[in-house]
Amino acid sequence: MKLITEELKEQFKQWGDQSQIKDPMILAKFFDPCGSATWWISQYDPQTNIAYGYVTGLVCDEWGSVSIEELEAIKRPFGLRIERDLYFTPGSISKVCPGYHKEQSTEDRTIERDTDLQQ
C-alpha cells in the first residue's frame, strides 16, 4: 500500500510546519496490522520522503521522524505490510490519539525533532 498519496501530499503542504504547535493536526495514521505500533503523522517532506509525527505502541511513545520508504519496506507475516488507515479522519493529536498526554511541551517535541534531523 502506498502510504503517502497525492491527496495527502497536498494536505501536508497546506498545513506546513507544525513543530511549534502544541496540539498539531494529525493528517494520516499508519499502523502495523500484526502489532501495536501506530504512527500519527503531522508533517511530511516530499523531497526526503520523511514524515514527522507521534508513534505509539513501540518501546515508548514519542515524537520523531520516520522514513516512509522504510515503513513501506517492512514485511509482516502473511504478506501484510504497514497500512494507512483508510477511515481515519484528521484531527488534533489530543483528539485522535487515545492516551496522548497534552501536557508534553512543544519544547520537548522540538528538541526531539532537532535531534532526529541531525542524525
Protein backbone atom coordinates (compact mmCIF):
# COMPACT_ATOMS: atom_id res chain seq x y z
CA MET A 1 0.00 0.00 0.00
CA LYS A 2 1.22 3.47 -0.83
CA LEU A 3 1.31 5.30 2.48
CA ILE A 4 1.55 8.84 1.09
CA THR A 5 -0.97 9.64 -1.64
CA GLU A 6 -1.05 12.75 -3.83
CA GLU A 7 -4.05 13.95 -1.83
CA LEU A 8 -2.10 13.58 1.42
CA LYS A 9 0.89 15.40 -0.06
CA GLU A 10 -1.38 18.35 -0.81
CA GLN A 11 -2.84 18.32 2.71
CA PHE A 12 0.63 18.24 4.28
CA LYS A 13 1.68 21.13 2.03
CA GLN A 14 -1.34 23.17 3.13
CA TRP A 15 -0.63 22.61 6.84
CA GLY A 16 3.12 23.14 6.57
CA ASP A 17 5.43 23.15 9.60
CA GLN A 18 3.54 22.33 12.79
CA SER A 19 6.57 21.85 15.05
CA GLN A 20 5.70 24.86 17.22
CA ILE A 21 2.01 23.96 17.60
CA LYS A 22 1.19 22.43 20.99
CA ASP A 23 -1.70 20.31 19.66
CA PRO A 24 -0.80 19.69 15.98
CA MET A 25 -3.18 18.40 13.34
CA ILE A 26 -2.67 14.72 12.52
CA LEU A 27 -3.31 14.20 8.82
CA ALA A 28 -2.54 10.48 8.43
CA LYS A 29 -2.48 7.36 10.57
CA PHE A 30 -0.33 4.32 9.75
CA PHE A 31 -0.43 1.06 11.70
CA ASP A 32 1.12 -2.38 11.93
CA PRO A 33 -1.68 -4.92 11.31
CA CYS A 34 0.30 -7.58 13.22
CA GLY A 35 1.40 -5.48 16.18
CA SER A 36 0.66 -2.47 18.31
CA ALA A 37 2.70 0.22 16.51
CA THR A 38 0.80 3.24 15.21
CA TRP A 39 2.25 6.34 13.54
CA TRP A 40 0.22 9.57 13.84
CA ILE A 41 1.66 11.80 11.10
CA SER A 42 1.55 15.61 11.27
CA GLN A 43 4.17 16.62 8.69
CA TYR A 44 5.75 15.25 5.53
CA ASP A 45 8.71 16.34 3.41
CA PRO A 46 8.26 15.11 -0.19
CA GLN A 47 11.89 15.84 -1.08
CA THR A 48 13.27 13.42 1.52
CA ASN A 49 10.21 11.16 1.85
CA ILE A 50 10.45 11.66 5.62
CA ALA A 51 7.39 12.16 7.82
CA TYR A 52 7.19 13.59 11.31
CA GLY A 53 4.70 12.59 13.95
CA TYR A 54 3.92 10.69 17.11
CA VAL A 55 4.45 6.93 17.37
CA THR A 56 2.72 4.69 19.88
CA GLY A 57 2.99 1.00 20.67
CA LEU A 58 6.76 0.59 20.43
CA VAL A 59 9.20 0.74 23.37
CA CYS A 60 7.96 4.22 24.30
CA ASP A 61 5.55 6.69 22.78
CA GLU A 62 7.40 9.64 21.26
CA TRP A 63 7.57 12.37 18.63
CA GLY A 64 10.08 11.87 15.85
CA SER A 65 10.88 11.43 12.18
CA VAL A 66 10.19 8.30 10.17
CA SER A 67 11.21 7.26 6.68
CA ILE A 68 8.16 6.46 4.55
CA GLU A 69 10.39 4.31 2.34
CA GLU A 70 11.40 2.22 5.36
CA LEU A 71 7.81 1.86 6.59
CA GLU A 72 6.69 0.70 3.14
CA ALA A 73 9.53 -1.87 3.07
CA ILE A 74 8.51 -3.60 6.33
CA LYS A 75 7.23 -7.11 5.67
CA ARG A 76 4.96 -8.75 8.24
CA PRO A 77 3.56 -12.31 8.41
CA PHE A 78 1.13 -13.50 5.73
CA GLY A 79 2.34 -10.84 3.28
CA LEU A 80 0.98 -7.99 5.36
CA ARG A 81 2.69 -4.58 5.48
CA ILE A 82 2.30 -1.30 7.34
CA GLU A 83 -1.12 0.08 6.42
CA ARG A 84 -2.66 3.53 6.09
CA ASP A 85 -5.94 3.82 7.96
CA LEU A 86 -8.35 4.48 5.09
CA TYR A 87 -11.12 5.51 7.50
CA PHE A 88 -9.05 7.93 9.58
CA THR A 89 -10.45 11.44 10.00
CA PRO A 90 -7.78 14.12 10.55
CA GLY A 91 -7.87 15.96 13.85
CA SER A 92 -5.64 17.38 16.56
CA ILE A 93 -3.36 14.87 18.28
CA SER A 94 -5.23 15.24 21.57
CA LYS A 95 -8.50 14.24 19.88
CA VAL A 96 -7.40 11.41 17.57
CA CYS A 97 -4.71 9.61 19.60
CA PRO A 98 -6.04 7.66 22.59
CA GLY A 99 -3.91 8.20 25.66
CA TYR A 100 -1.94 11.16 24.29
CA HIS A 101 -0.71 13.40 27.08
CA LYS A 102 -1.32 17.02 26.11
CA GLU A 103 0.99 18.24 28.85
CA GLN A 104 4.04 17.24 26.76
CA SER A 105 5.53 20.60 25.90
CA THR A 106 6.30 21.96 22.46
CA GLU A 107 9.92 22.39 23.58
CA ASP A 108 10.22 18.63 24.19
CA ARG A 109 8.89 17.92 20.70
CA THR A 110 11.21 20.45 19.09
CA ILE A 111 14.29 19.07 20.84
CA GLU A 112 13.45 15.52 19.75
CA ARG A 113 12.85 16.68 16.19
CA ASP A 114 16.12 18.64 16.04
CA THR A 115 18.00 15.60 17.35
CA ASP A 116 16.35 13.36 14.74
CA LEU A 117 17.31 15.70 11.90
CA GLN A 118 20.97 15.84 12.95
CA GLN A 119 21.41 12.07 12.58
